[in-house]
N, C-alpha and C. Protein backbone atom coordinates (compact mmCIF):
# COMPACT_ATOMS: atom_id res chain seq x y z
N MET A 1 3.23 11.18 4.05
CA MET A 1 3.09 11.96 2.85
C MET A 1 1.81 12.75 2.92
N ALA A 2 1.73 13.81 2.22
CA ALA A 2 0.54 14.63 2.21
C ALA A 2 -0.58 13.87 1.52
N ASP A 3 -1.77 13.96 2.07
CA ASP A 3 -2.89 13.30 1.40
C ASP A 3 -3.50 14.24 0.37
N ALA A 4 -4.62 13.82 -0.23
CA ALA A 4 -5.23 14.61 -1.31
C ALA A 4 -5.62 16.01 -0.85
N SER A 5 -5.90 16.16 0.43
CA SER A 5 -6.29 17.48 0.93
C SER A 5 -5.08 18.36 1.23
N GLY A 6 -3.90 17.77 1.21
CA GLY A 6 -2.69 18.54 1.50
C GLY A 6 -2.30 18.53 2.95
N ALA A 7 -2.80 17.58 3.74
CA ALA A 7 -2.50 17.55 5.17
C ALA A 7 -1.25 16.73 5.43
N CYS A 8 -0.43 17.18 6.38
CA CYS A 8 0.72 16.39 6.82
C CYS A 8 0.20 15.21 7.63
N PRO A 9 0.96 14.12 7.71
CA PRO A 9 0.55 12.99 8.53
C PRO A 9 0.37 13.43 9.98
N GLY A 10 -0.72 13.00 10.61
CA GLY A 10 -0.97 13.33 12.00
C GLY A 10 -1.33 14.78 12.22
N SER A 11 -1.62 15.50 11.17
CA SER A 11 -1.88 16.93 11.26
C SER A 11 -3.36 17.21 11.03
N THR A 12 -3.85 18.26 11.65
CA THR A 12 -5.21 18.68 11.40
C THR A 12 -5.25 19.85 10.42
N GLU A 13 -4.07 20.31 10.00
CA GLU A 13 -4.00 21.41 9.04
C GLU A 13 -4.36 20.91 7.65
N VAL A 14 -5.09 21.72 6.91
CA VAL A 14 -5.47 21.36 5.55
C VAL A 14 -5.16 22.55 4.65
N ALA A 15 -4.55 22.26 3.52
CA ALA A 15 -4.22 23.33 2.57
C ALA A 15 -5.10 23.19 1.34
N ASP A 16 -5.66 24.29 0.89
CA ASP A 16 -6.39 24.33 -0.36
C ASP A 16 -5.36 24.22 -1.47
N ALA A 17 -5.49 23.20 -2.32
CA ALA A 17 -4.49 22.96 -3.37
C ALA A 17 -4.32 24.17 -4.29
N ALA A 18 -5.35 24.97 -4.43
CA ALA A 18 -5.29 26.13 -5.31
C ALA A 18 -4.58 27.32 -4.64
N ASP A 19 -4.51 27.32 -3.32
CA ASP A 19 -3.89 28.43 -2.59
C ASP A 19 -2.41 28.11 -2.38
N GLU A 20 -1.55 28.59 -3.29
CA GLU A 20 -0.13 28.25 -3.28
C GLU A 20 0.57 28.71 -2.01
N GLU A 21 0.25 29.91 -1.53
CA GLU A 21 0.91 30.42 -0.33
C GLU A 21 0.65 29.52 0.87
N THR A 22 -0.60 29.09 1.05
CA THR A 22 -0.94 28.21 2.17
C THR A 22 -0.29 26.86 2.01
N ARG A 23 -0.29 26.33 0.79
CA ARG A 23 0.32 25.03 0.51
C ARG A 23 1.82 25.05 0.81
N LEU A 24 2.50 26.12 0.41
CA LEU A 24 3.94 26.22 0.66
C LEU A 24 4.24 26.42 2.14
N LEU A 25 3.37 27.14 2.86
CA LEU A 25 3.53 27.30 4.30
C LEU A 25 3.37 25.96 5.01
N LEU A 26 2.39 25.17 4.56
CA LEU A 26 2.20 23.84 5.14
C LEU A 26 3.39 22.93 4.80
N ALA A 27 3.95 23.08 3.61
CA ALA A 27 5.14 22.31 3.25
C ALA A 27 6.30 22.66 4.17
N ASP A 28 6.46 23.94 4.48
CA ASP A 28 7.51 24.35 5.43
C ASP A 28 7.28 23.71 6.80
N THR A 29 6.02 23.67 7.22
CA THR A 29 5.67 23.06 8.51
C THR A 29 6.00 21.58 8.51
N CYS A 30 5.61 20.89 7.44
CA CYS A 30 5.92 19.46 7.33
C CYS A 30 7.42 19.22 7.36
N GLU A 31 8.16 20.08 6.67
CA GLU A 31 9.61 19.93 6.63
C GLU A 31 10.21 20.10 8.03
N GLN A 32 9.75 21.10 8.79
CA GLN A 32 10.26 21.31 10.15
C GLN A 32 9.90 20.12 11.04
N LEU A 33 8.67 19.61 10.90
CA LEU A 33 8.27 18.44 11.68
C LEU A 33 9.16 17.25 11.33
N GLY A 34 9.50 17.12 10.05
CA GLY A 34 10.36 16.04 9.60
C GLY A 34 11.75 16.13 10.20
N HIS A 35 12.31 17.32 10.21
CA HIS A 35 13.66 17.49 10.76
C HIS A 35 13.69 17.28 12.27
N GLN A 36 12.57 17.50 12.95
CA GLN A 36 12.52 17.37 14.40
C GLN A 36 12.03 16.00 14.86
N ALA A 37 11.54 15.17 13.92
CA ALA A 37 10.98 13.87 14.29
C ALA A 37 12.07 12.95 14.84
N ALA A 38 11.76 12.26 15.93
CA ALA A 38 12.71 11.33 16.52
C ALA A 38 12.73 10.01 15.75
N SER A 39 11.62 9.67 15.14
CA SER A 39 11.50 8.42 14.41
C SER A 39 11.83 8.63 12.93
N GLY A 40 12.65 7.75 12.40
CA GLY A 40 12.98 7.83 10.98
C GLY A 40 11.76 7.66 10.09
N LEU A 41 10.82 6.84 10.52
CA LEU A 41 9.60 6.63 9.76
C LEU A 41 8.81 7.93 9.62
N TRP A 42 8.58 8.61 10.74
CA TRP A 42 7.83 9.87 10.70
C TRP A 42 8.62 10.96 9.99
N ARG A 43 9.95 10.94 10.14
CA ARG A 43 10.78 11.90 9.42
C ARG A 43 10.55 11.77 7.92
N GLY A 44 10.56 10.53 7.44
CA GLY A 44 10.32 10.28 6.03
C GLY A 44 8.94 10.70 5.58
N PHE A 45 7.92 10.41 6.39
CA PHE A 45 6.55 10.81 6.04
C PHE A 45 6.44 12.32 5.90
N HIS A 46 6.96 13.04 6.89
CA HIS A 46 6.84 14.50 6.86
C HIS A 46 7.63 15.12 5.71
N LEU A 47 8.86 14.64 5.49
CA LEU A 47 9.66 15.21 4.41
C LEU A 47 9.09 14.86 3.04
N ALA A 48 8.54 13.65 2.89
CA ALA A 48 7.90 13.30 1.63
C ALA A 48 6.65 14.15 1.41
N GLY A 49 5.90 14.40 2.50
CA GLY A 49 4.72 15.26 2.40
C GLY A 49 5.09 16.67 1.99
N ALA A 50 6.18 17.20 2.53
CA ALA A 50 6.64 18.54 2.16
C ALA A 50 7.02 18.59 0.68
N THR A 51 7.69 17.56 0.21
CA THR A 51 8.08 17.50 -1.21
C THR A 51 6.85 17.44 -2.10
N GLU A 52 5.86 16.63 -1.72
CA GLU A 52 4.64 16.52 -2.52
C GLU A 52 3.85 17.83 -2.52
N LEU A 53 3.82 18.52 -1.40
CA LEU A 53 3.12 19.81 -1.36
C LEU A 53 3.80 20.85 -2.24
N ARG A 54 5.12 20.78 -2.31
CA ARG A 54 5.86 21.76 -3.13
C ARG A 54 5.85 21.43 -4.62
N HIS A 55 5.98 20.14 -4.94
CA HIS A 55 6.18 19.75 -6.34
C HIS A 55 5.07 18.88 -6.91
N GLY A 56 4.07 18.53 -6.12
CA GLY A 56 3.00 17.66 -6.60
C GLY A 56 3.35 16.20 -6.41
N VAL A 57 2.38 15.35 -6.69
CA VAL A 57 2.56 13.91 -6.53
C VAL A 57 2.89 13.33 -7.89
N TRP A 58 3.96 12.54 -7.95
CA TRP A 58 4.35 11.92 -9.21
C TRP A 58 3.51 10.69 -9.46
N ASP A 59 3.11 10.50 -10.69
CA ASP A 59 2.35 9.33 -11.10
C ASP A 59 3.33 8.24 -11.48
N VAL A 60 3.45 7.22 -10.67
CA VAL A 60 4.40 6.14 -10.94
C VAL A 60 3.64 4.83 -11.11
N ALA A 61 4.22 3.95 -11.89
CA ALA A 61 3.61 2.64 -12.11
C ALA A 61 3.81 1.76 -10.88
N THR A 62 2.79 1.00 -10.56
CA THR A 62 2.88 0.06 -9.46
C THR A 62 2.98 -1.35 -10.04
N PRO A 63 4.03 -2.08 -9.71
CA PRO A 63 4.16 -3.42 -10.28
C PRO A 63 3.09 -4.35 -9.75
N ASP A 64 2.61 -5.24 -10.61
CA ASP A 64 1.61 -6.23 -10.21
C ASP A 64 2.35 -7.48 -9.78
N THR A 65 2.78 -7.52 -8.53
CA THR A 65 3.59 -8.63 -8.05
C THR A 65 2.80 -9.93 -7.96
N ALA A 66 1.46 -9.84 -7.95
CA ALA A 66 0.66 -11.06 -7.87
C ALA A 66 0.75 -11.86 -9.17
N ARG A 67 1.11 -11.22 -10.27
CA ARG A 67 1.14 -11.90 -11.55
C ARG A 67 2.54 -11.92 -12.19
N SER A 68 3.55 -11.58 -11.46
CA SER A 68 4.88 -11.45 -12.04
C SER A 68 5.73 -12.70 -11.90
N GLY A 69 5.16 -13.80 -11.46
CA GLY A 69 5.95 -15.01 -11.27
C GLY A 69 6.63 -15.05 -9.92
N THR A 70 6.24 -14.15 -9.03
CA THR A 70 6.85 -14.10 -7.70
C THR A 70 6.61 -15.39 -6.94
N GLY A 71 5.42 -15.96 -7.07
CA GLY A 71 5.09 -17.18 -6.34
C GLY A 71 5.99 -18.34 -6.69
N GLY A 72 6.41 -18.42 -7.93
CA GLY A 72 7.26 -19.53 -8.35
C GLY A 72 8.65 -19.49 -7.76
N SER A 73 9.07 -18.33 -7.32
CA SER A 73 10.42 -18.21 -6.76
C SER A 73 10.43 -18.27 -5.24
N MET A 74 9.26 -18.49 -4.63
CA MET A 74 9.17 -18.55 -3.17
C MET A 74 9.23 -20.00 -2.69
N SER A 75 9.69 -20.16 -1.46
CA SER A 75 9.59 -21.47 -0.83
C SER A 75 8.11 -21.74 -0.55
N PHE A 76 7.77 -23.01 -0.32
CA PHE A 76 6.37 -23.37 -0.10
C PHE A 76 5.79 -22.66 1.11
N GLY A 77 6.54 -22.62 2.20
CA GLY A 77 6.06 -21.95 3.42
C GLY A 77 5.86 -20.46 3.21
N LEU A 78 6.80 -19.82 2.52
CA LEU A 78 6.68 -18.39 2.24
C LEU A 78 5.48 -18.11 1.33
N PHE A 79 5.24 -19.01 0.36
CA PHE A 79 4.10 -18.87 -0.54
C PHE A 79 2.78 -18.92 0.25
N LEU A 80 2.67 -19.87 1.18
CA LEU A 80 1.46 -19.95 2.01
C LEU A 80 1.31 -18.71 2.90
N ASP A 81 2.41 -18.19 3.40
CA ASP A 81 2.36 -16.95 4.19
C ASP A 81 1.86 -15.79 3.33
N ALA A 82 2.31 -15.72 2.09
CA ALA A 82 1.89 -14.64 1.19
C ALA A 82 0.39 -14.74 0.89
N ILE A 83 -0.10 -15.95 0.72
CA ILE A 83 -1.54 -16.13 0.48
C ILE A 83 -2.34 -15.66 1.70
N ALA A 84 -1.86 -16.00 2.88
CA ALA A 84 -2.56 -15.62 4.10
C ALA A 84 -2.61 -14.11 4.25
N ILE A 85 -1.56 -13.42 3.86
CA ILE A 85 -1.54 -11.97 3.97
C ILE A 85 -2.48 -11.33 2.96
N ARG A 86 -2.53 -11.84 1.73
CA ARG A 86 -3.33 -11.24 0.67
C ARG A 86 -4.82 -11.57 0.81
N LEU A 87 -5.17 -12.60 1.54
CA LEU A 87 -6.55 -13.03 1.67
C LEU A 87 -7.22 -12.29 2.82
N ASN A 88 -8.34 -11.62 2.54
CA ASN A 88 -9.10 -10.92 3.58
C ASN A 88 -10.06 -11.92 4.18
N GLY A 89 -9.68 -12.50 5.31
CA GLY A 89 -10.45 -13.56 5.93
C GLY A 89 -11.89 -13.18 6.25
N LEU A 90 -12.13 -11.96 6.74
CA LEU A 90 -13.49 -11.54 7.07
C LEU A 90 -14.35 -11.42 5.81
N ALA A 91 -13.76 -10.97 4.71
CA ALA A 91 -14.53 -10.78 3.48
C ALA A 91 -14.89 -12.11 2.83
N VAL A 92 -14.07 -13.15 3.02
CA VAL A 92 -14.34 -14.42 2.36
C VAL A 92 -14.86 -15.49 3.31
N ALA A 93 -15.14 -15.14 4.55
CA ALA A 93 -15.57 -16.12 5.54
C ALA A 93 -16.85 -16.83 5.14
N THR A 94 -17.75 -16.16 4.47
CA THR A 94 -19.03 -16.77 4.10
C THR A 94 -19.08 -17.21 2.65
N VAL A 95 -17.98 -17.10 1.94
CA VAL A 95 -17.94 -17.48 0.52
C VAL A 95 -17.48 -18.92 0.40
N ALA A 96 -18.27 -19.72 -0.31
CA ALA A 96 -17.86 -21.09 -0.59
C ALA A 96 -17.19 -21.08 -1.95
N GLY A 97 -16.08 -21.73 -2.07
CA GLY A 97 -15.36 -21.74 -3.34
C GLY A 97 -14.28 -22.79 -3.35
N ILE A 98 -13.54 -22.79 -4.43
CA ILE A 98 -12.47 -23.77 -4.61
C ILE A 98 -11.17 -23.03 -4.82
N ILE A 99 -10.15 -23.48 -4.13
CA ILE A 99 -8.80 -22.99 -4.36
C ILE A 99 -7.96 -24.20 -4.74
N ASP A 100 -7.37 -24.14 -5.91
CA ASP A 100 -6.54 -25.24 -6.40
C ASP A 100 -5.08 -24.87 -6.19
N LEU A 101 -4.45 -25.49 -5.21
CA LEU A 101 -3.04 -25.25 -4.92
C LEU A 101 -2.25 -26.44 -5.42
N THR A 102 -1.41 -26.22 -6.40
CA THR A 102 -0.60 -27.28 -6.99
C THR A 102 0.85 -27.07 -6.58
N VAL A 103 1.42 -28.11 -5.99
CA VAL A 103 2.81 -28.03 -5.55
C VAL A 103 3.65 -28.90 -6.47
N HIS A 104 4.66 -28.29 -7.09
CA HIS A 104 5.59 -29.00 -7.97
C HIS A 104 6.94 -29.08 -7.29
N ARG A 105 7.80 -29.88 -7.83
CA ARG A 105 9.14 -29.99 -7.29
C ARG A 105 9.88 -28.64 -7.35
N ASP A 106 9.63 -27.87 -8.43
CA ASP A 106 10.32 -26.61 -8.63
C ASP A 106 9.58 -25.40 -8.06
N GLY A 107 8.40 -25.58 -7.53
CA GLY A 107 7.65 -24.44 -7.00
C GLY A 107 6.20 -24.82 -6.79
N CYS A 108 5.35 -23.85 -6.72
CA CYS A 108 3.94 -24.10 -6.52
C CYS A 108 3.13 -23.04 -7.27
N SER A 109 1.87 -23.36 -7.51
CA SER A 109 0.99 -22.42 -8.20
C SER A 109 -0.37 -22.43 -7.53
N LEU A 110 -1.09 -21.36 -7.71
CA LEU A 110 -2.40 -21.21 -7.09
C LEU A 110 -3.39 -20.80 -8.16
N ASP A 111 -4.53 -21.47 -8.20
CA ASP A 111 -5.58 -21.12 -9.14
C ASP A 111 -6.88 -20.97 -8.35
N VAL A 112 -7.52 -19.81 -8.50
CA VAL A 112 -8.80 -19.56 -7.86
C VAL A 112 -9.82 -19.36 -8.97
N PRO A 113 -10.67 -20.37 -9.23
CA PRO A 113 -11.67 -20.21 -10.29
C PRO A 113 -12.56 -19.02 -10.01
N GLY A 114 -13.03 -18.34 -11.05
CA GLY A 114 -13.77 -17.11 -10.90
C GLY A 114 -15.24 -17.26 -10.59
N GLU A 115 -15.73 -18.45 -10.33
CA GLU A 115 -17.16 -18.61 -10.07
C GLU A 115 -17.39 -19.11 -8.65
N ASP A 116 -18.51 -18.65 -8.07
CA ASP A 116 -18.93 -19.13 -6.75
C ASP A 116 -19.62 -20.47 -6.92
N VAL A 117 -19.49 -21.32 -5.91
CA VAL A 117 -20.19 -22.60 -5.96
C VAL A 117 -21.40 -22.58 -5.02
N GLY A 118 -21.76 -21.41 -4.53
CA GLY A 118 -22.94 -21.29 -3.68
C GLY A 118 -22.57 -21.25 -2.22
N ASP A 119 -23.59 -21.04 -1.38
CA ASP A 119 -23.39 -20.98 0.07
C ASP A 119 -23.34 -22.38 0.63
N SER A 120 -22.54 -22.57 1.66
CA SER A 120 -22.48 -23.88 2.29
C SER A 120 -22.97 -23.79 3.71
């Protein structure tokens, strides 16, 4: 998709958002790159970028899956995998803290108290 500067993915071209002619020309370029892309992933990126350059970026709501009860519907192993993915190991490597993981017959829950307990 086009970034804030109006560039296609993998492109060095930049369009001034105020210059409509340049922006539309770049959208045409992104569209052609999309139609010629061998990979479906890149095809989607380029075509989405062309659409955004032509019509702007839509403001859509992002669901907060961390608080939607998703954890309760996961198996225990999948829940631990999700925690591992969401946790930035390098950022928390030096932080001492408590994680309270409660496993119930019907699911599991995770509580991370908001206070540090100091360096260990």
